[in-house]
Amino acid sequence: MPDEQENRDYFDFGAEPPPPETEPVERPEGEDDPELLDPVLEALRTVRDPEIPVNLVDLGLIYELVVKKGGVVFVEMTLTTPACPVAQSMPGEVEAAIAGVPGVNEVRVRLVWSPPWDRDRMSEEAKLELGLL
């Protein structure tokens, strides 16, 4: 008998109305901080969607990442579907993960639904991990 996890459709969500996007936050101004970018990106890779065993970066849920000198970070992100059960909590998890990076002083996270996410945004590694290749 096949394993249930093996045949699971990770993207089969109910048709609930979308939660609201988070309030708009300003993208930070100033000079980029390339040295802080990699640690912030690695912190983002520690955040996983609880329904899909892949991190948010490889799922393609991070639409924009801006890291400025002075430790100000801006993230624009989405979720796999507006009906995602973690829509209310995931931005806070992203914020907490980034805030733990030494040198980060402020984190601004914006959850958006446009453009809508689709499987084409996933990395090849994520597709392979989920058996989509």
N, C-alpha and C. Protein backbone atom coordinates (compact mmCIF):
# COMPACT_ATOMS: atom_id res chain seq x y z
N MET A 1 0.85 -1.19 0.00
CA MET A 1 0.00 0.00 0.00
C MET A 1 0.89 1.24 0.00
N PRO A 2 0.67 2.18 -0.89
CA PRO A 2 1.51 3.37 -0.97
C PRO A 2 1.39 4.23 0.28
N ASP A 3 2.46 4.87 0.61
CA ASP A 3 2.51 5.77 1.75
C ASP A 3 1.64 6.99 1.46
N GLU A 4 0.80 7.41 2.44
CA GLU A 4 -0.08 8.57 2.24
C GLU A 4 0.70 9.83 1.94
N GLN A 5 1.85 10.03 2.62
CA GLN A 5 2.67 11.21 2.38
C GLN A 5 3.15 11.24 0.93
N GLU A 6 3.45 10.07 0.38
CA GLU A 6 3.97 9.97 -0.98
C GLU A 6 2.96 10.46 -2.01
N ASN A 7 1.69 10.21 -1.78
CA ASN A 7 0.64 10.55 -2.75
C ASN A 7 -0.14 11.82 -2.37
N ARG A 8 0.30 12.50 -1.37
CA ARG A 8 -0.43 13.67 -0.89
C ARG A 8 -0.30 14.84 -1.87
N ASP A 9 -1.41 15.53 -2.11
CA ASP A 9 -1.37 16.75 -2.91
C ASP A 9 -1.23 17.91 -1.94
N TYR A 10 -0.04 18.45 -1.85
CA TYR A 10 0.26 19.51 -0.90
C TYR A 10 -0.47 20.81 -1.23
N PHE A 11 -0.99 20.91 -2.43
CA PHE A 11 -1.60 22.16 -2.87
C PHE A 11 -3.11 22.08 -2.98
N ASP A 12 -3.72 21.09 -2.34
CA ASP A 12 -5.16 20.93 -2.35
C ASP A 12 -5.73 21.60 -1.12
N PHE A 13 -6.14 22.87 -1.26
CA PHE A 13 -6.70 23.64 -0.16
C PHE A 13 -8.16 23.93 -0.44
N GLY A 14 -8.88 24.22 0.60
CA GLY A 14 -10.29 24.57 0.46
C GLY A 14 -10.43 25.93 -0.20
N ALA A 15 -11.64 26.25 -0.57
CA ALA A 15 -11.91 27.52 -1.26
C ALA A 15 -12.40 28.57 -0.28
N GLU A 16 -11.63 28.84 0.75
CA GLU A 16 -12.00 29.86 1.72
C GLU A 16 -11.63 31.23 1.17
N PRO A 17 -12.32 32.27 1.61
CA PRO A 17 -11.95 33.60 1.15
C PRO A 17 -10.56 33.98 1.68
N PRO A 18 -9.83 34.79 0.93
CA PRO A 18 -8.48 35.14 1.36
C PRO A 18 -8.49 36.06 2.57
N PRO A 19 -7.52 35.88 3.45
CA PRO A 19 -7.38 36.85 4.53
C PRO A 19 -6.85 38.14 3.92
N PRO A 20 -7.00 39.24 4.61
CA PRO A 20 -6.52 40.49 4.03
C PRO A 20 -5.00 40.50 3.92
N GLU A 21 -4.52 41.27 2.95
CA GLU A 21 -3.08 41.49 2.87
C GLU A 21 -2.69 42.30 4.09
N THR A 22 -1.42 42.19 4.48
CA THR A 22 -0.98 43.00 5.61
C THR A 22 -0.94 44.46 5.18
N GLU A 23 -0.94 45.32 6.16
CA GLU A 23 -0.87 46.75 5.87
C GLU A 23 0.40 47.04 5.08
N PRO A 24 0.32 47.96 4.15
CA PRO A 24 1.53 48.30 3.40
C PRO A 24 2.63 48.81 4.33
N VAL A 25 3.83 48.37 4.08
CA VAL A 25 4.99 48.86 4.81
C VAL A 25 5.96 49.43 3.79
N GLU A 26 6.72 50.40 4.21
CA GLU A 26 7.64 51.06 3.29
C GLU A 26 8.89 50.22 3.05
N ARG A 27 9.31 50.20 1.79
CA ARG A 27 10.60 49.62 1.48
C ARG A 27 11.64 50.58 2.03
N PRO A 28 12.68 50.06 2.65
CA PRO A 28 13.69 50.96 3.21
C PRO A 28 14.50 51.64 2.13
N GLU A 29 14.94 52.82 2.44
CA GLU A 29 15.80 53.60 1.56
C GLU A 29 17.25 53.37 1.99
N GLY A 30 18.17 53.82 1.17
CA GLY A 30 19.57 53.77 1.55
C GLY A 30 20.35 52.74 0.78
N GLU A 31 21.57 52.54 1.24
CA GLU A 31 22.51 51.66 0.57
C GLU A 31 22.26 50.20 0.94
N ASP A 32 22.32 49.32 -0.07
CA ASP A 32 22.16 47.88 0.17
C ASP A 32 23.30 47.36 1.05
N ASP A 33 23.03 46.31 1.77
CA ASP A 33 24.03 45.66 2.62
C ASP A 33 24.25 44.23 2.14
N PRO A 34 25.16 44.05 1.16
CA PRO A 34 25.37 42.71 0.60
C PRO A 34 25.91 41.70 1.61
N GLU A 35 26.62 42.16 2.63
CA GLU A 35 27.16 41.24 3.64
C GLU A 35 26.06 40.66 4.52
N LEU A 36 25.01 41.42 4.74
CA LEU A 36 23.90 40.96 5.58
C LEU A 36 22.88 40.15 4.79
N LEU A 37 22.91 40.28 3.47
CA LEU A 37 21.93 39.59 2.63
C LEU A 37 21.97 38.08 2.79
N ASP A 38 23.14 37.47 2.71
CA ASP A 38 23.23 36.00 2.80
C ASP A 38 22.73 35.46 4.14
N PRO A 39 23.14 36.04 5.28
CA PRO A 39 22.59 35.54 6.55
C PRO A 39 21.08 35.68 6.66
N VAL A 40 20.53 36.76 6.10
CA VAL A 40 19.08 36.95 6.12
C VAL A 40 18.40 35.90 5.26
N LEU A 41 18.97 35.64 4.09
CA LEU A 41 18.42 34.62 3.20
C LEU A 41 18.47 33.24 3.86
N GLU A 42 19.56 32.95 4.54
CA GLU A 42 19.65 31.66 5.25
C GLU A 42 18.61 31.57 6.36
N ALA A 43 18.37 32.66 7.06
CA ALA A 43 17.33 32.67 8.10
C ALA A 43 15.97 32.40 7.48
N LEU A 44 15.70 32.99 6.32
CA LEU A 44 14.43 32.75 5.63
C LEU A 44 14.29 31.27 5.25
N ARG A 45 15.40 30.64 4.93
CA ARG A 45 15.35 29.22 4.55
C ARG A 45 15.02 28.30 5.73
N THR A 46 15.05 28.83 6.94
CA THR A 46 14.68 28.01 8.10
C THR A 46 13.18 27.99 8.32
N VAL A 47 12.46 28.88 7.65
CA VAL A 47 11.00 28.96 7.82
C VAL A 47 10.35 28.06 6.78
N ARG A 48 9.55 27.13 7.27
CA ARG A 48 8.88 26.16 6.40
C ARG A 48 7.38 26.30 6.50
N ASP A 49 6.74 26.06 5.41
CA ASP A 49 5.29 25.96 5.41
C ASP A 49 4.95 24.68 6.16
N PRO A 50 4.09 24.72 7.17
CA PRO A 50 3.81 23.51 7.96
C PRO A 50 3.09 22.42 7.17
N GLU A 51 2.43 22.79 6.08
CA GLU A 51 1.72 21.80 5.27
C GLU A 51 2.59 21.20 4.18
N ILE A 52 3.62 21.91 3.78
CA ILE A 52 4.49 21.49 2.69
C ILE A 52 5.91 21.45 3.23
N PRO A 53 6.58 20.32 3.17
CA PRO A 53 7.90 20.20 3.81
C PRO A 53 9.04 20.87 3.03
N VAL A 54 8.86 22.13 2.68
CA VAL A 54 9.86 22.87 1.92
C VAL A 54 9.91 24.29 2.48
N ASN A 55 11.09 24.90 2.47
CA ASN A 55 11.21 26.26 3.01
C ASN A 55 10.57 27.28 2.07
N LEU A 56 10.28 28.45 2.62
CA LEU A 56 9.56 29.48 1.87
C LEU A 56 10.33 30.00 0.66
N VAL A 57 11.66 30.04 0.77
CA VAL A 57 12.47 30.53 -0.35
C VAL A 57 12.36 29.58 -1.53
N ASP A 58 12.55 28.28 -1.28
CA ASP A 58 12.49 27.30 -2.37
C ASP A 58 11.08 27.11 -2.90
N LEU A 59 10.08 27.39 -2.08
CA LEU A 59 8.71 27.34 -2.58
C LEU A 59 8.39 28.53 -3.49
N GLY A 60 9.24 29.54 -3.47
CA GLY A 60 9.00 30.72 -4.30
C GLY A 60 8.01 31.69 -3.68
N LEU A 61 7.90 31.66 -2.37
CA LEU A 61 6.93 32.51 -1.68
C LEU A 61 7.50 33.88 -1.33
N ILE A 62 8.80 34.05 -1.46
CA ILE A 62 9.43 35.34 -1.19
C ILE A 62 9.52 36.10 -2.51
N TYR A 63 8.73 37.14 -2.64
CA TYR A 63 8.69 37.91 -3.88
C TYR A 63 9.77 38.98 -3.92
N GLU A 64 10.09 39.55 -2.77
CA GLU A 64 11.11 40.60 -2.73
C GLU A 64 11.82 40.56 -1.39
N LEU A 65 13.13 40.73 -1.43
CA LEU A 65 13.94 40.81 -0.22
C LEU A 65 14.89 41.99 -0.39
N VAL A 66 14.80 42.96 0.51
CA VAL A 66 15.65 44.14 0.49
C VAL A 66 16.36 44.21 1.83
N VAL A 67 17.70 44.29 1.78
CA VAL A 67 18.50 44.40 3.00
C VAL A 67 19.36 45.64 2.88
N LYS A 68 19.16 46.58 3.78
CA LYS A 68 19.87 47.86 3.73
C LYS A 68 20.86 47.99 4.89
N LYS A 69 21.88 48.80 4.66
CA LYS A 69 22.83 49.11 5.74
C LYS A 69 22.06 49.71 6.90
N GLY A 70 22.49 49.41 8.09
CA GLY A 70 21.75 49.81 9.28
C GLY A 70 20.85 48.70 9.77
N GLY A 71 20.83 47.58 9.02
CA GLY A 71 20.09 46.41 9.47
C GLY A 71 18.59 46.47 9.26
N VAL A 72 18.15 47.19 8.24
CA VAL A 72 16.72 47.26 7.94
C VAL A 72 16.41 46.29 6.80
N VAL A 73 15.45 45.39 7.05
CA VAL A 73 15.11 44.34 6.08
C VAL A 73 13.64 44.46 5.72
N PHE A 74 13.37 44.35 4.42
CA PHE A 74 12.00 44.37 3.91
C PHE A 74 11.77 43.06 3.15
N VAL A 75 10.65 42.40 3.44
CA VAL A 75 10.27 41.17 2.75
C VAL A 75 8.84 41.33 2.24
N GLU A 76 8.67 41.07 0.94
CA GLU A 76 7.32 40.96 0.40
C GLU A 76 7.14 39.49 0.06
N MET A 77 6.09 38.92 0.59
CA MET A 77 5.88 37.48 0.45
C MET A 77 4.42 37.17 0.19
N THR A 78 4.20 35.93 -0.22
CA THR A 78 2.85 35.42 -0.38
C THR A 78 2.80 34.04 0.24
N LEU A 79 1.70 33.37 0.08
CA LEU A 79 1.55 31.98 0.52
C LEU A 79 1.01 31.19 -0.66
N THR A 80 1.02 29.87 -0.55
CA THR A 80 0.61 29.04 -1.68
C THR A 80 -0.82 29.29 -2.10
N THR A 81 -1.65 29.69 -1.14
CA THR A 81 -3.06 29.97 -1.42
C THR A 81 -3.59 30.91 -0.34
N PRO A 82 -4.52 31.79 -0.67
CA PRO A 82 -5.11 32.63 0.35
C PRO A 82 -5.82 31.83 1.45
N ALA A 83 -6.20 30.60 1.14
CA ALA A 83 -6.86 29.76 2.13
C ALA A 83 -5.87 29.04 3.04
N CYS A 84 -4.58 29.34 2.90
CA CYS A 84 -3.54 28.69 3.71
C CYS A 84 -3.85 28.88 5.19
N PRO A 85 -3.82 27.80 5.96
CA PRO A 85 -4.18 27.90 7.37
C PRO A 85 -3.21 28.75 8.21
N VAL A 86 -2.04 29.06 7.69
CA VAL A 86 -1.07 29.85 8.46
C VAL A 86 -0.97 31.29 7.96
N ALA A 87 -1.95 31.73 7.20
CA ALA A 87 -1.89 33.07 6.61
C ALA A 87 -1.73 34.16 7.67
N GLN A 88 -2.32 33.97 8.82
CA GLN A 88 -2.23 34.99 9.87
C GLN A 88 -0.90 34.94 10.61
N SER A 89 -0.31 33.75 10.74
CA SER A 89 0.90 33.62 11.56
C SER A 89 2.22 33.62 10.79
N MET A 90 2.20 33.26 9.52
CA MET A 90 3.45 33.11 8.77
C MET A 90 4.26 34.41 8.67
N PRO A 91 3.66 35.57 8.41
CA PRO A 91 4.48 36.79 8.39
C PRO A 91 5.24 37.01 9.71
N GLY A 92 4.63 36.69 10.81
CA GLY A 92 5.30 36.83 12.11
C GLY A 92 6.45 35.85 12.26
N GLU A 93 6.29 34.65 11.72
CA GLU A 93 7.38 33.67 11.76
C GLU A 93 8.56 34.15 10.91
N VAL A 94 8.26 34.72 9.77
CA VAL A 94 9.31 35.27 8.90
C VAL A 94 10.03 36.40 9.62
N GLU A 95 9.26 37.29 10.21
CA GLU A 95 9.84 38.41 10.95
C GLU A 95 10.75 37.93 12.07
N ALA A 96 10.29 36.95 12.85
CA ALA A 96 11.07 36.43 13.96
C ALA A 96 12.37 35.78 13.49
N ALA A 97 12.31 35.03 12.41
CA ALA A 97 13.51 34.36 11.89
C ALA A 97 14.55 35.39 11.47
N ILE A 98 14.12 36.42 10.78
CA ILE A 98 15.06 37.44 10.30
C ILE A 98 15.57 38.29 11.46
N ALA A 99 14.71 38.60 12.42
CA ALA A 99 15.11 39.42 13.57
C ALA A 99 16.22 38.76 14.37
N GLY A 100 16.33 37.45 14.29
CA GLY A 100 17.37 36.73 15.02
C GLY A 100 18.74 36.79 14.37
N VAL A 101 18.85 37.38 13.20
CA VAL A 101 20.13 37.49 12.50
C VAL A 101 20.92 38.64 13.11
N PRO A 102 22.17 38.39 13.55
CA PRO A 102 22.99 39.48 14.07
C PRO A 102 23.15 40.59 13.03
N GLY A 103 22.94 41.82 13.47
CA GLY A 103 23.05 42.97 12.57
C GLY A 103 21.72 43.47 12.06
N VAL A 104 20.66 42.67 12.22
CA VAL A 104 19.33 43.11 11.80
C VAL A 104 18.70 43.91 12.94
N ASN A 105 18.26 45.11 12.62
CA ASN A 105 17.66 46.00 13.62
C ASN A 105 16.17 46.23 13.42
N GLU A 106 15.70 46.02 12.20
CA GLU A 106 14.29 46.24 11.91
C GLU A 106 13.87 45.32 10.77
N VAL A 107 12.69 44.71 10.92
CA VAL A 107 12.17 43.81 9.88
C VAL A 107 10.77 44.29 9.50
N ARG A 108 10.57 44.43 8.20
CA ARG A 108 9.26 44.83 7.67
C ARG A 108 8.79 43.72 6.74
N VAL A 109 7.65 43.11 7.07
CA VAL A 109 7.12 42.01 6.26
C VAL A 109 5.76 42.42 5.72
N ARG A 110 5.59 42.20 4.44
CA ARG A 110 4.30 42.48 3.81
C ARG A 110 3.80 41.22 3.12
N LEU A 111 2.61 40.79 3.47
CA LEU A 111 1.95 39.64 2.85
C LEU A 111 1.05 40.15 1.74
N VAL A 112 1.23 39.60 0.52
CA VAL A 112 0.43 40.03 -0.63
C VAL A 112 -0.17 38.79 -1.31
N TRP A 113 -1.20 39.03 -2.09
CA TRP A 113 -1.84 37.94 -2.85
C TRP A 113 -1.71 38.14 -4.35
N SER A 114 -1.09 39.24 -4.75
CA SER A 114 -0.93 39.51 -6.16
C SER A 114 0.53 39.84 -6.43
N PRO A 115 1.16 39.18 -7.36
CA PRO A 115 0.57 38.16 -8.22
C PRO A 115 0.36 36.86 -7.45
N PRO A 116 -0.63 36.07 -7.85
CA PRO A 116 -0.86 34.82 -7.15
C PRO A 116 0.30 33.85 -7.36
N TRP A 117 0.57 33.08 -6.33
CA TRP A 117 1.63 32.08 -6.39
C TRP A 117 1.18 30.92 -7.27
N ASP A 118 2.14 30.32 -7.97
CA ASP A 118 1.88 29.06 -8.65
C ASP A 118 3.13 28.19 -8.58
N ARG A 119 2.99 26.95 -8.93
CA ARG A 119 4.09 25.97 -8.80
C ARG A 119 5.32 26.33 -9.61
N ASP A 120 5.17 27.12 -10.65
CA ASP A 120 6.32 27.51 -11.47
C ASP A 120 7.32 28.36 -10.70
N ARG A 121 6.92 28.93 -9.59
CA ARG A 121 7.81 29.76 -8.78
C ARG A 121 8.74 28.93 -7.91
N MET A 122 8.48 27.64 -7.80
CA MET A 122 9.29 26.76 -6.95
C MET A 122 10.65 26.50 -7.57
N SER A 123 11.66 26.31 -6.71
CA SER A 123 12.98 25.94 -7.20
C SER A 123 12.94 24.50 -7.71
N GLU A 124 13.91 24.16 -8.53
CA GLU A 124 14.02 22.78 -9.03
C GLU A 124 14.15 21.80 -7.86
N GLU A 125 14.91 22.21 -6.83
CA GLU A 125 15.09 21.35 -5.66
C GLU A 125 13.77 21.07 -4.96
N ALA A 126 12.95 22.10 -4.82
CA ALA A 126 11.65 21.93 -4.17
C ALA A 126 10.75 21.01 -4.98
N LYS A 127 10.75 21.20 -6.29
CA LYS A 127 9.94 20.34 -7.17
C LYS A 127 10.38 18.90 -7.06
N LEU A 128 11.68 18.69 -7.02
CA LEU A 128 12.23 17.35 -6.89
C LEU A 128 11.84 16.73 -5.55
N GLU A 129 11.99 17.52 -4.49
CA GLU A 129 11.67 17.05 -3.14
C GLU A 129 10.19 16.64 -3.01
N LEU A 130 9.33 17.34 -3.72
CA LEU A 130 7.89 17.05 -3.65
C LEU A 130 7.43 16.08 -4.72
N GLY A 131 8.37 15.58 -5.51
CA GLY A 131 8.02 14.60 -6.54
C GLY A 131 7.29 15.20 -7.72
N LEU A 132 7.54 16.47 -8.00
CA LEU A 132 6.87 17.13 -9.12
C LEU A 132 7.70 17.12 -10.39
N LEU A 133 8.89 16.55 -10.34
CA LEU A 133 9.74 16.43 -11.54
C LEU A 133 9.88 14.98 -11.96
